[in-house]
Amino acid sequence: MHPFSCRGCLAWGVYRVHNWHCWSCRWWQNHYPVGECLYCHRTTRIGDSGACRLCLEQARRLKEPDRAVDLVGANRFGQQLYLANLHAARNGKRRDWVAHQRRRAQAPPVQFAPVRWRQLLLFRMPPNHAALKNRAAAVDSEMVRFCDAILRDHAARHGWSRKQINDTARSLKLLQVLQDTPGAKINASDVLELPGLGGTAASTMEILAAADLLIDDRTAAVHRYFTEHAVGLPPEMRDQLGMWFQVMLGGSKNAPRRLPRHPQTAHLHILGMAPIWHMWAARGVQSLAEISREDVVAALPPSGANRCFAEQGLRGLFDILKARKQVFTNPARGLPATHSGSTIPLPLDTELIRAALNSDDPASALAVALVAFHGLTGPQLQELALTDIRDGRLTIDDRTIPLAGPVRTRLAAYLDHRARTWPTTINPHLFINRRTGPRTNRVGRGFPWVKLGVTPQALREDRILQEIHATGGDVRRICDLFGLTVAGAMRYTTGLEHPDLTGRPVDGHAIPHPDSHESS
């Protein structure tokens, strides 16, 4: 592969893999439009000063201390070419950038009011990516300047990197070009299309929300799930199910009052009831008012979790429809509840826990230590704040837990790693990652467990089992240590007398203990 000259600044040493552009000119491609340079009259990318990058670098090279850049005088007799990608960050450039940001902060705030009308489209054409980027580089409007001021202020408070600021600014310009109604508020569904155009969605949506220019038209996953499973049902039955679904998620302030349920609860009820809905529709049922108690009993699955979900869902469904006079009687009333079979918690492999405790990732090692030594749950780790740990003690709800020595060691290592990686973050949560570091929300459920091969629930169960065997089944102590109810703690006592754990004889044959030498 042979080197050649940069198409933007004519610097020598670029390659075809980067489309014959140096690093700086690649950045200029996404931020500045094509035009004619006022000083060398070349047709290339033109910056804010009306100069190309070659003329600008020539003026910076000849700039005298404490004097402004003289673009006319520096380029009067030609330019000095140079090698590509050798412009290191100089202190002067850093001072210029800091001064530029200071002037931005001292400038009067830009006022903007979005338009209230909407331009409707007859049809939508797929965008041309090259033309879209060129138009976005040259776009300038009150809305762009207003969002740019919000972006700089938000980024300074949350400790965003320059790359994240530049990517978000470019994404905002792309949205301006893609707008059907210039100057109107922007739909969240349009922002979600930005990654396919080289933009960023999460940071852009955050800035638009801070500027009060975002219309959240996203559809929740449970709404899509309900719509998919209601397709093909009779219209009257679909209307009745829609009424139930609306009350489930939104609750009811009219008698009989009802609190809104969690979307996951509605999801599980739909999972259990959807096959029953379609089975009744296939039999010719047009309305749920035609369903009798015999139909409900015959339609329930024989056993398993789906039967529990179906029973709970049908009770809630007919309760809501009966309260709103959509059915004459409640066929699910008094239906005996089927209890799902409870599982027996099992211990984990000790080597797996030891490897997770000694993980190279400080966040993984601390999360495993908190669960293994103190039995925290996954949601508790997500919500854990920096202020919850003081003087070697962890405060959760109304419990104060003295931290074990290995936990303190891993906590100190993680806090050092956190301070080095995100020195300017204002996220109050203890655990943060690349996505939540420049924001204030919590980490996802899978962090940092995905790469460990163990779940917090399994690790917590192993910890409770160890405590059960160490105390000889002291249920009261388990409830106090781990915040369990008596019924929840009794689940862990079922394995105390198991012959595989006690080594007692079964059918006259002694079972060796797993830790004994005879077990081999």
Protein backbone atom coordinates (compact mmCIF):
# COMPACT_ATOMS: atom_id res chain seq x y z
CA MET A 1 0.00 0.00 0.00
CA HIS A 2 1.60 3.25 -1.17
CA PRO A 3 1.22 6.61 0.62
CA PHE A 4 -0.08 9.68 -1.11
CA SER A 5 -1.07 13.32 -0.43
CA CYS A 6 -4.13 14.22 1.66
CA ARG A 7 -7.06 15.42 -0.42
CA GLY A 8 -7.83 18.11 2.13
CA CYS A 9 -4.55 19.70 3.28
CA LEU A 10 -2.10 18.11 0.77
CA ALA A 11 -0.04 16.59 3.61
CA TRP A 12 2.09 13.60 2.61
CA GLY A 13 1.60 10.16 4.17
CA VAL A 14 -2.07 9.14 3.92
CA TYR A 15 -3.43 5.83 2.66
CA ARG A 16 -6.36 4.59 0.65
CA VAL A 17 -7.87 2.78 3.66
CA HIS A 18 -8.79 6.23 5.05
CA ASN A 19 -10.01 7.57 1.71
CA TRP A 20 -6.77 9.57 1.23
CA HIS A 21 -7.45 11.88 4.20
CA CYS A 22 -5.38 12.63 7.31
CA TRP A 23 -6.94 12.46 10.77
CA SER A 24 -7.71 16.17 11.00
CA CYS A 25 -9.24 16.36 7.52
CA ARG A 26 -11.44 13.36 8.33
CA TRP A 27 -12.85 15.40 11.22
CA TRP A 28 -13.29 18.43 8.94
CA GLN A 29 -15.29 16.26 6.52
CA ASN A 30 -18.02 15.76 9.12
CA HIS A 31 -18.10 19.32 10.44
CA TYR A 32 -17.45 21.78 7.61
CA PRO A 33 -19.00 22.25 4.15
CA VAL A 34 -17.30 22.25 0.76
CA GLY A 35 -16.52 25.69 -0.67
CA GLU A 36 -13.83 27.93 -2.15
CA CYS A 37 -11.03 29.06 0.17
CA LEU A 38 -10.75 32.85 0.42
CA TYR A 39 -6.93 32.73 0.50
CA CYS A 40 -5.72 29.92 -1.79
CA HIS A 41 -8.95 29.66 -3.85
CA ARG A 42 -8.99 25.85 -3.68
CA THR A 43 -12.34 24.00 -3.59
CA THR A 44 -12.23 21.96 -0.39
CA ARG A 45 -13.63 21.92 3.14
CA ILE A 46 -13.89 25.47 4.49
CA GLY A 47 -13.81 26.33 8.20
CA ASP A 48 -15.58 29.10 10.11
CA SER A 49 -12.95 31.67 9.12
CA GLY A 50 -13.43 31.03 5.39
CA ALA A 51 -10.05 29.30 5.09
CA CYS A 52 -9.15 25.74 4.25
CA ARG A 53 -7.15 23.66 6.67
CA LEU A 54 -3.86 24.16 4.77
CA CYS A 55 -4.14 27.95 4.96
CA LEU A 56 -5.17 27.78 8.60
CA GLU A 57 -2.20 25.59 9.55
CA GLN A 58 0.15 27.93 7.63
CA ALA A 59 -1.19 30.93 9.58
CA ARG A 60 -0.89 29.08 12.89
CA ARG A 61 2.71 28.11 12.08
CA LEU A 62 3.68 31.78 11.47
CA LYS A 63 1.59 33.19 14.31
CA GLU A 64 3.50 35.50 16.65
CA PRO A 65 3.03 35.25 20.43
CA ASP A 66 0.11 37.23 21.83
CA ARG A 67 -1.07 38.20 18.35
CA ALA A 68 -4.08 37.10 16.35
CA VAL A 69 -3.77 34.67 13.45
CA ASP A 70 -3.02 36.60 10.22
CA LEU A 71 -4.51 34.47 7.43
CA VAL A 72 -3.86 37.05 4.70
CA GLY A 73 -0.22 37.75 5.50
CA ALA A 74 0.71 34.14 6.23
CA ASN A 75 -0.64 32.84 2.89
CA ARG A 76 0.46 35.73 0.67
CA PHE A 77 3.55 33.96 -0.68
CA GLY A 78 2.38 30.32 -0.55
CA GLN A 79 2.21 27.53 2.04
CA GLN A 80 4.65 25.11 3.60
CA LEU A 81 3.57 21.50 3.15
CA TYR A 82 4.13 18.97 5.95
CA LEU A 83 3.78 15.28 6.83
CA ALA A 84 0.35 13.97 7.76
CA ASN A 85 -0.81 13.13 11.28
CA LEU A 86 2.18 14.75 13.02
CA HIS A 87 0.40 17.76 14.53
CA ALA A 88 0.54 17.01 18.24
CA ALA A 89 -1.71 18.87 20.65
CA ARG A 90 0.18 22.05 21.53
CA ASN A 91 -0.39 24.18 24.59
CA GLY A 92 -1.28 27.12 22.35
CA LYS A 93 -4.07 25.15 20.73
CA ARG A 94 -5.34 24.15 24.15
CA ARG A 95 -5.34 27.77 25.30
CA ASP A 96 -7.16 28.83 22.14
CA TRP A 97 -9.80 26.17 22.70
CA VAL A 98 -10.27 27.15 26.35
CA ALA A 99 -10.56 30.81 25.37
CA HIS A 100 -13.11 29.87 22.70
CA GLN A 101 -15.20 28.00 25.25
CA ARG A 102 -14.98 30.94 27.64
CA ARG A 103 -16.24 33.31 24.94
CA ARG A 104 -19.10 30.91 24.28
CA ALA A 105 -20.06 30.94 27.96
CA GLN A 106 -19.92 34.75 28.14
CA ALA A 107 -22.02 35.22 25.00
CA PRO A 108 -25.67 36.22 25.53
CA PRO A 109 -28.02 33.21 25.65
CA VAL A 110 -29.73 32.27 22.39
CA GLN A 111 -33.52 32.35 22.52
CA PHE A 112 -35.56 29.95 20.43
CA ALA A 113 -39.24 29.04 20.28
CA PRO A 114 -40.25 25.99 18.19
CA VAL A 115 -42.93 26.42 15.56
CA ARG A 116 -46.38 25.02 16.31
CA TRP A 117 -47.36 23.93 12.80
CA ARG A 118 -46.44 20.68 11.09
CA GLN A 119 -45.67 19.92 7.46
CA LEU A 120 -47.24 16.59 6.50
CA LEU A 121 -45.47 14.30 4.02
CA LEU A 122 -46.98 12.50 1.06
CA PHE A 123 -44.19 9.90 1.08
CA ARG A 124 -40.66 9.64 2.46
CA MET A 125 -37.57 9.14 0.33
CA PRO A 126 -34.48 7.36 1.68
CA PRO A 127 -31.75 9.95 2.34
CA ASN A 128 -28.52 10.19 0.36
CA HIS A 129 -25.79 9.84 2.97
CA ALA A 130 -23.13 11.89 1.18
CA ALA A 131 -25.49 14.76 0.38
CA LEU A 132 -26.92 14.60 3.89
CA LYS A 133 -23.49 15.00 5.50
CA ASN A 134 -22.59 17.94 3.22
CA ARG A 135 -25.85 19.72 4.05
CA ALA A 136 -25.44 19.01 7.76
CA ALA A 137 -21.92 20.50 7.78
CA ALA A 138 -23.25 23.77 6.33
CA VAL A 139 -26.50 24.02 8.32
CA ASP A 140 -26.91 27.07 10.59
CA SER A 141 -30.09 28.20 12.31
CA GLU A 142 -31.43 29.57 15.57
CA MET A 143 -32.36 26.06 16.64
CA VAL A 144 -28.81 24.79 15.99
CA ARG A 145 -27.26 27.63 18.00
CA PHE A 146 -29.79 27.15 20.81
CA CYS A 147 -29.11 23.40 21.03
CA ASP A 148 -25.37 24.04 20.80
CA ALA A 149 -25.51 26.31 23.87
CA ILE A 150 -27.53 23.69 25.77
CA LEU A 151 -25.03 21.02 24.69
CA ARG A 152 -21.97 22.96 25.94
CA ASP A 153 -23.55 23.67 29.30
CA HIS A 154 -24.82 20.09 29.75
CA ALA A 155 -21.48 18.59 28.68
CA ALA A 156 -19.53 20.83 31.09
CA ARG A 157 -21.72 19.78 34.03
CA HIS A 158 -21.63 16.05 33.21
CA GLY A 159 -17.97 15.81 32.20
CA TRP A 160 -18.44 14.79 28.57
CA SER A 161 -15.38 14.21 26.41
CA ARG A 162 -14.68 16.36 23.36
CA LYS A 163 -15.47 13.40 21.09
CA GLN A 164 -18.88 12.94 22.68
CA ILE A 165 -19.57 16.68 22.35
CA ASN A 166 -18.56 16.69 18.67
CA ASP A 167 -20.58 13.55 17.87
CA THR A 168 -23.67 15.02 19.54
CA ALA A 169 -23.26 18.37 17.77
CA ARG A 170 -23.00 16.59 14.42
CA SER A 171 -26.08 14.49 15.24
CA LEU A 172 -28.09 17.63 16.06
CA LYS A 173 -27.16 19.09 12.68
CA LEU A 174 -28.21 15.87 10.97
CA LEU A 175 -31.61 16.12 12.66
CA GLN A 176 -32.00 19.68 11.42
CA VAL A 177 -31.44 18.54 7.84
CA LEU A 178 -33.81 15.57 8.22
CA GLN A 179 -36.64 17.64 9.70
CA ASP A 180 -39.88 17.69 7.70
CA THR A 181 -40.90 20.89 9.52
CA PRO A 182 -37.86 23.13 10.10
CA GLY A 183 -37.88 24.63 13.57
CA ALA A 184 -40.39 22.16 15.07
CA LYS A 185 -39.86 19.81 17.97
CA ILE A 186 -38.17 16.51 17.12
CA ASN A 187 -39.69 13.05 17.56
CA ALA A 188 -37.74 10.46 19.52
CA SER A 189 -38.39 7.93 16.74
CA ASP A 190 -36.40 10.16 14.36
CA VAL A 191 -33.51 10.35 16.83
CA LEU A 192 -33.37 6.54 17.02
CA GLU A 193 -32.54 6.45 13.27
CA LEU A 194 -29.33 8.45 13.76
CA PRO A 195 -26.96 5.48 14.35
CA GLY A 196 -27.69 4.30 10.80
CA LEU A 197 -26.56 7.72 9.52
CA GLY A 198 -23.37 7.90 11.56
CA GLY A 199 -24.86 9.80 14.53
CA THR A 200 -25.46 9.05 18.19
CA ALA A 201 -28.95 8.57 19.64
CA ALA A 202 -28.65 8.47 23.45
CA SER A 203 -26.65 11.68 23.93
CA THR A 204 -28.69 13.56 21.31
CA MET A 205 -31.96 12.58 22.96
CA GLU A 206 -30.58 13.73 26.29
CA ILE A 207 -29.74 17.19 24.90
CA LEU A 208 -33.11 17.57 23.16
CA ALA A 209 -34.88 16.66 26.40
CA ALA A 210 -32.82 19.25 28.28
CA ALA A 211 -33.76 21.84 25.65
CA ASP A 212 -37.47 20.83 25.82
CA LEU A 213 -37.45 20.03 22.10
CA LEU A 214 -38.14 16.29 22.30
CA ILE A 215 -41.45 14.58 21.58
CA ASP A 216 -41.27 11.09 23.11
CA ASP A 217 -43.29 9.02 20.65
CA ARG A 218 -41.55 5.75 21.43
CA THR A 219 -43.75 2.70 21.90
CA ALA A 220 -43.11 0.66 25.03
CA ALA A 221 -42.17 -2.98 24.53
CA VAL A 222 -45.25 -4.21 26.42
CA HIS A 223 -47.52 -2.21 24.08
CA ARG A 224 -45.94 -3.85 21.05
CA TYR A 225 -46.25 -7.24 22.74
CA PHE A 226 -49.96 -6.74 23.41
CA THR A 227 -50.62 -5.50 19.86
CA GLU A 228 -48.87 -8.53 18.35
CA HIS A 229 -50.94 -10.97 20.42
CA ALA A 230 -54.25 -9.15 19.84
CA VAL A 231 -53.98 -9.40 16.04
CA GLY A 232 -56.71 -11.59 14.52
CA LEU A 233 -59.14 -11.39 17.43
CA PRO A 234 -62.78 -10.29 16.94
CA PRO A 235 -63.26 -6.48 17.24
CA GLU A 236 -65.44 -6.64 20.36
CA MET A 237 -63.05 -8.98 22.16
CA ARG A 238 -60.10 -6.77 21.14
CA ASP A 239 -61.84 -3.69 22.57
CA GLN A 240 -62.47 -5.49 25.86
CA LEU A 241 -58.85 -6.59 26.05
CA GLY A 242 -57.73 -3.04 25.27
CA MET A 243 -59.77 -1.76 28.20
CA TRP A 244 -58.15 -4.33 30.50
CA PHE A 245 -54.67 -3.45 29.20
CA GLN A 246 -55.23 0.28 29.73
CA VAL A 247 -56.36 -0.25 33.34
CA MET A 248 -53.47 -2.64 34.02
CA LEU A 249 -50.82 -0.09 33.06
CA GLY A 250 -52.55 3.17 33.97
CA GLY A 251 -54.68 2.13 36.93
CA SER A 252 -58.12 3.57 37.66
CA LYS A 253 -59.13 6.52 39.84
CA ASN A 254 -62.83 5.71 39.51
CA ALA A 255 -64.56 3.12 41.68
CA PRO A 256 -63.51 0.41 41.88
CA ARG A 257 -60.09 2.04 42.14
CA ARG A 258 -57.03 0.14 41.00
CA LEU A 259 -53.30 0.83 41.18
CA PRO A 260 -51.25 0.53 37.98
CA ARG A 261 -49.32 -2.71 37.62
CA HIS A 262 -45.73 -3.14 36.52
CA PRO A 263 -45.33 -3.65 32.74
CA GLN A 264 -43.60 -6.98 33.41
CA THR A 265 -46.74 -8.19 35.22
CA ALA A 266 -48.89 -7.32 32.20
CA HIS A 267 -46.34 -9.04 29.95
CA LEU A 268 -46.56 -12.29 31.95
CA HIS A 269 -50.37 -12.19 32.01
CA ILE A 270 -50.47 -11.73 28.23
CA LEU A 271 -48.01 -14.63 27.88
CA GLY A 272 -50.37 -16.92 29.79
CA MET A 273 -53.68 -15.71 28.30
CA ALA A 274 -52.84 -15.14 24.60
CA PRO A 275 -53.22 -18.81 23.54
CA ILE A 276 -56.59 -18.92 25.35
CA TRP A 277 -57.82 -15.77 23.58
CA HIS A 278 -57.05 -17.21 20.16
CA MET A 279 -58.52 -20.61 21.06
CA TRP A 280 -61.82 -18.97 22.02
CA ALA A 281 -61.75 -16.82 18.87
CA ALA A 282 -61.21 -19.96 16.74
CA ARG A 283 -64.36 -21.47 18.31
CA GLY A 284 -66.38 -18.46 17.13
CA VAL A 285 -66.47 -16.45 20.38
CA GLN A 286 -67.02 -12.77 19.56
CA SER A 287 -67.13 -11.31 23.09
CA LEU A 288 -65.70 -12.30 26.45
CA ALA A 289 -69.25 -11.99 27.85
CA GLU A 290 -69.95 -15.39 26.22
CA ILE A 291 -67.31 -17.17 28.32
CA SER A 292 -68.51 -19.44 31.13
CA ARG A 293 -66.69 -20.95 34.06
CA GLU A 294 -66.47 -24.30 32.22
CA ASP A 295 -64.76 -22.55 29.29
CA VAL A 296 -62.18 -21.03 31.62
CA VAL A 297 -61.40 -24.33 33.37
CA ALA A 298 -61.16 -26.22 30.06
CA ALA A 299 -58.85 -23.63 28.50
CA LEU A 300 -56.26 -23.52 31.30
CA PRO A 301 -52.98 -25.38 30.70
CA PRO A 302 -52.58 -28.58 32.71
CA SER A 303 -49.66 -27.36 34.86
CA GLY A 304 -46.54 -25.25 34.93
CA ALA A 305 -45.80 -21.55 35.06
CA ASN A 306 -48.09 -20.78 32.11
CA ARG A 307 -51.06 -22.05 34.09
CA CYS A 308 -50.22 -19.69 36.96
CA PHE A 309 -49.83 -16.75 34.56
CA ALA A 310 -53.11 -17.64 32.83
CA GLU A 311 -55.04 -17.98 36.11
CA GLN A 312 -53.75 -14.65 37.45
CA GLY A 313 -54.39 -12.91 34.14
CA LEU A 314 -57.93 -14.22 33.73
CA ARG A 315 -58.88 -13.23 37.29
CA GLY A 316 -57.67 -9.68 36.69
CA LEU A 317 -59.21 -9.53 33.20
CA PHE A 318 -62.72 -10.53 34.27
CA ASP A 319 -62.53 -8.45 37.48
CA ILE A 320 -61.89 -5.32 35.41
CA LEU A 321 -64.53 -6.18 32.78
CA LYS A 322 -67.13 -7.00 35.45
CA ALA A 323 -66.46 -3.70 37.26
CA ARG A 324 -67.01 -1.82 33.97
CA LYS A 325 -70.15 -3.81 33.05
CA GLN A 326 -68.58 -5.47 30.02
CA VAL A 327 -69.52 -8.99 31.20
CA PHE A 328 -72.54 -10.24 33.14
CA THR A 329 -70.71 -12.56 35.54
CA ASN A 330 -67.11 -13.21 36.46
CA PRO A 331 -66.36 -16.80 35.33
CA ALA A 332 -62.93 -16.75 37.04
CA ARG A 333 -64.29 -15.84 40.48
CA GLY A 334 -63.42 -18.40 43.14
CA LEU A 335 -61.13 -20.30 40.79
CA PRO A 336 -58.65 -22.26 42.96
CA ALA A 337 -55.12 -21.00 42.61
CA THR A 338 -52.42 -23.35 41.36
CA HIS A 339 -49.14 -22.85 43.15
CA SER A 340 -46.06 -23.06 41.00
CA GLY A 341 -43.52 -25.65 42.02
CA SER A 342 -40.73 -24.06 44.03
CA THR A 343 -37.15 -24.94 43.20
CA ILE A 344 -34.47 -26.08 45.63
CA PRO A 345 -31.52 -23.66 45.74
CA LEU A 346 -28.16 -25.30 44.97
CA PRO A 347 -24.63 -24.20 45.87
CA LEU A 348 -22.22 -22.89 43.22
CA ASP A 349 -18.80 -24.20 42.31
CA THR A 350 -16.26 -22.69 44.71
CA GLU A 351 -13.66 -22.27 41.97
CA LEU A 352 -16.11 -20.23 39.90
CA ILE A 353 -16.76 -17.88 42.82
CA ARG A 354 -13.05 -17.57 43.58
CA ALA A 355 -12.25 -16.73 39.95
CA ALA A 356 -14.99 -14.07 39.90
CA LEU A 357 -13.74 -12.57 43.18
CA ASN A 358 -10.24 -12.24 41.72
CA SER A 359 -11.39 -10.76 38.41
CA ASP A 360 -9.12 -8.22 36.71
CA ASP A 361 -12.08 -5.87 36.34
CA PRO A 362 -12.43 -3.84 39.60
CA ALA A 363 -16.21 -3.41 39.11
CA SER A 364 -16.73 -7.17 38.69
CA ALA A 365 -14.60 -8.04 41.70
CA LEU A 366 -16.46 -5.54 43.94
CA ALA A 367 -19.92 -6.65 42.75
CA VAL A 368 -19.11 -10.31 43.38
CA ALA A 369 -17.65 -9.48 46.82
CA LEU A 370 -20.74 -7.51 47.89
CA VAL A 371 -23.03 -10.39 46.94
CA ALA A 372 -20.78 -13.22 48.15
CA PHE A 373 -20.02 -11.68 51.56
CA HIS A 374 -23.20 -9.68 52.28
CA GLY A 375 -25.89 -11.24 50.09
CA LEU A 376 -26.99 -8.12 48.19
CA THR A 377 -29.45 -8.50 45.32
CA GLY A 378 -28.93 -7.37 41.74
CA PRO A 379 -31.39 -4.42 41.98
CA GLN A 380 -29.73 -3.30 45.22
CA LEU A 381 -26.35 -3.17 43.46
CA GLN A 382 -27.87 -1.11 40.64
CA GLU A 383 -29.33 1.45 43.05
CA LEU A 384 -26.31 1.58 45.35
CA ALA A 385 -25.07 5.18 45.76
CA LEU A 386 -21.66 6.47 46.76
CA THR A 387 -23.16 7.98 49.91
CA ASP A 388 -24.50 4.58 51.04
CA ILE A 389 -20.98 3.56 52.10
CA ARG A 390 -19.53 5.54 55.01
CA ASP A 391 -16.84 4.62 57.54
CA GLY A 392 -16.65 1.03 56.34
CA ARG A 393 -20.40 0.47 56.72
CA LEU A 394 -23.03 -0.09 54.05
CA THR A 395 -26.53 1.30 54.61
CA ILE A 396 -29.37 -0.35 52.69
CA ASP A 397 -32.96 0.58 53.52
CA ASP A 398 -33.06 0.30 57.35
CA ARG A 399 -30.08 -2.06 57.66
CA THR A 400 -26.45 -1.11 58.41
CA ILE A 401 -23.89 -3.73 57.32
CA PRO A 402 -20.22 -3.61 58.43
CA LEU A 403 -18.16 -4.37 55.32
CA ALA A 404 -15.85 -7.38 55.40
CA GLY A 405 -12.11 -6.92 54.89
CA PRO A 406 -12.00 -8.40 51.34
CA VAL A 407 -14.91 -6.16 50.36
CA ARG A 408 -13.10 -3.05 51.62
CA THR A 409 -9.99 -3.97 49.62
CA ARG A 410 -11.97 -4.36 46.41
CA LEU A 411 -13.98 -1.22 47.14
CA ALA A 412 -10.80 0.86 47.42
CA ALA A 413 -9.47 -0.59 44.14
CA TYR A 414 -12.73 0.13 42.35
CA LEU A 415 -13.00 3.70 43.65
CA ASP A 416 -9.47 4.40 42.38
CA HIS A 417 -10.41 2.94 39.00
CA ARG A 418 -13.62 4.98 38.93
CA ALA A 419 -11.78 8.23 39.72
CA ARG A 420 -9.15 7.60 37.05
CA THR A 421 -11.60 6.61 34.32
CA TRP A 422 -14.36 9.17 34.97
CA PRO A 423 -12.71 12.01 36.92
CA THR A 424 -15.45 14.56 36.11
CA THR A 425 -18.56 12.38 36.36
CA ILE A 426 -21.47 13.52 38.54
CA ASN A 427 -23.26 10.17 38.52
CA PRO A 428 -24.27 9.48 42.15
CA HIS A 429 -24.38 5.69 41.74
CA LEU A 430 -21.51 3.53 42.94
CA PHE A 431 -21.38 1.37 39.81
CA ILE A 432 -21.02 3.20 36.50
CA ASN A 433 -19.78 2.18 33.08
CA ARG A 434 -18.99 3.73 29.72
CA ARG A 435 -22.65 4.51 29.02
CA THR A 436 -23.65 5.87 32.42
CA GLY A 437 -20.39 7.67 33.28
CA PRO A 438 -21.37 10.89 31.44
CA ARG A 439 -24.96 10.65 32.73
CA THR A 440 -26.77 10.21 36.04
CA ASN A 441 -28.78 7.02 35.46
CA ARG A 442 -27.95 3.59 36.85
CA VAL A 443 -26.25 0.70 35.06
CA GLY A 444 -28.22 -2.07 33.39
CA ARG A 445 -29.14 -5.40 34.92
CA GLY A 446 -26.37 -7.26 33.10
CA PHE A 447 -23.48 -5.11 34.37
CA PRO A 448 -20.99 -6.51 35.25
CA TRP A 449 -22.40 -10.05 35.35
CA VAL A 450 -22.53 -10.85 31.63
CA LYS A 451 -18.80 -11.52 31.33
CA LEU A 452 -18.53 -13.38 34.66
CA GLY A 453 -20.69 -16.40 33.85
CA VAL A 454 -22.58 -16.14 37.16
CA THR A 455 -25.77 -14.32 38.16
CA PRO A 456 -26.26 -12.31 41.38
CA GLN A 457 -29.30 -14.45 42.26
CA ALA A 458 -27.31 -17.70 42.11
CA LEU A 459 -24.45 -16.13 44.08
CA ARG A 460 -26.84 -14.80 46.73
CA GLU A 461 -28.52 -18.21 47.06
CA ASP A 462 -25.11 -19.81 47.56
CA ARG A 463 -24.34 -17.28 50.29
CA ILE A 464 -27.65 -17.94 52.07
CA LEU A 465 -27.15 -21.70 51.83
CA GLN A 466 -23.71 -21.40 53.42
CA GLU A 467 -25.21 -19.37 56.28
CA ILE A 468 -28.06 -21.86 56.72
CA HIS A 469 -25.63 -24.77 57.09
CA ALA A 470 -23.31 -22.76 59.34
CA THR A 471 -26.12 -21.88 61.75
CA GLY A 472 -27.92 -25.21 61.62
CA GLY A 473 -31.06 -23.74 60.07
CA ASP A 474 -31.51 -20.59 62.20
CA VAL A 475 -34.33 -19.00 60.19
CA ARG A 476 -34.55 -15.87 62.34
CA ARG A 477 -30.90 -15.08 61.76
CA ILE A 478 -31.28 -15.58 58.00
CA CYS A 479 -34.22 -13.17 57.94
CA ASP A 480 -32.22 -10.52 59.81
CA LEU A 481 -29.05 -10.93 57.74
CA PHE A 482 -30.57 -10.99 54.26
CA GLY A 483 -33.88 -9.17 54.67
CA LEU A 484 -36.00 -12.25 53.89
CA THR A 485 -39.45 -13.16 55.09
CA VAL A 486 -39.96 -16.34 57.09
CA ALA A 487 -41.60 -18.05 54.11
CA GLY A 488 -38.70 -17.02 51.86
CA ALA A 489 -36.11 -18.25 54.35
CA MET A 490 -37.84 -21.61 54.80
CA ARG A 491 -37.14 -22.38 51.12
CA TYR A 492 -33.43 -22.63 51.94
CA THR A 493 -33.91 -25.09 54.81
CA THR A 494 -35.23 -27.85 52.53
CA GLY A 495 -31.72 -29.03 51.71
CA LEU A 496 -30.49 -29.33 55.31
CA GLU A 497 -31.44 -32.99 55.68
CA HIS A 498 -30.71 -33.99 52.10
CA PRO A 499 -28.58 -37.17 52.09
CA ASP A 500 -26.25 -35.75 49.41
CA LEU A 501 -25.30 -32.95 51.84
CA THR A 502 -25.35 -34.76 55.20
CA GLY A 503 -23.58 -37.99 54.23
CA ARG A 504 -26.21 -40.12 56.03
CA PRO A 505 -26.82 -43.67 54.77
CA VAL A 506 -29.46 -44.26 52.12
CA ASP A 507 -30.81 -47.83 51.82
CA GLY A 508 -28.06 -49.04 54.10
CA HIS A 509 -25.20 -47.52 52.11
CA ALA A 510 -23.24 -44.60 53.49
CA ILE A 511 -22.70 -41.68 51.19
CA PRO A 512 -19.26 -40.11 51.63
CA HIS A 513 -19.13 -36.34 52.21
CA PRO A 514 -17.98 -34.41 49.13
CA ASP A 515 -15.01 -32.98 51.06
CA SER A 516 -13.76 -36.34 52.34
CA HIS A 517 -10.90 -38.29 50.75
CA GLU A 518 -13.15 -41.32 50.20
CA SER A 519 -15.33 -39.35 47.77
CA SER A 520 -12.71 -39.75 45.07
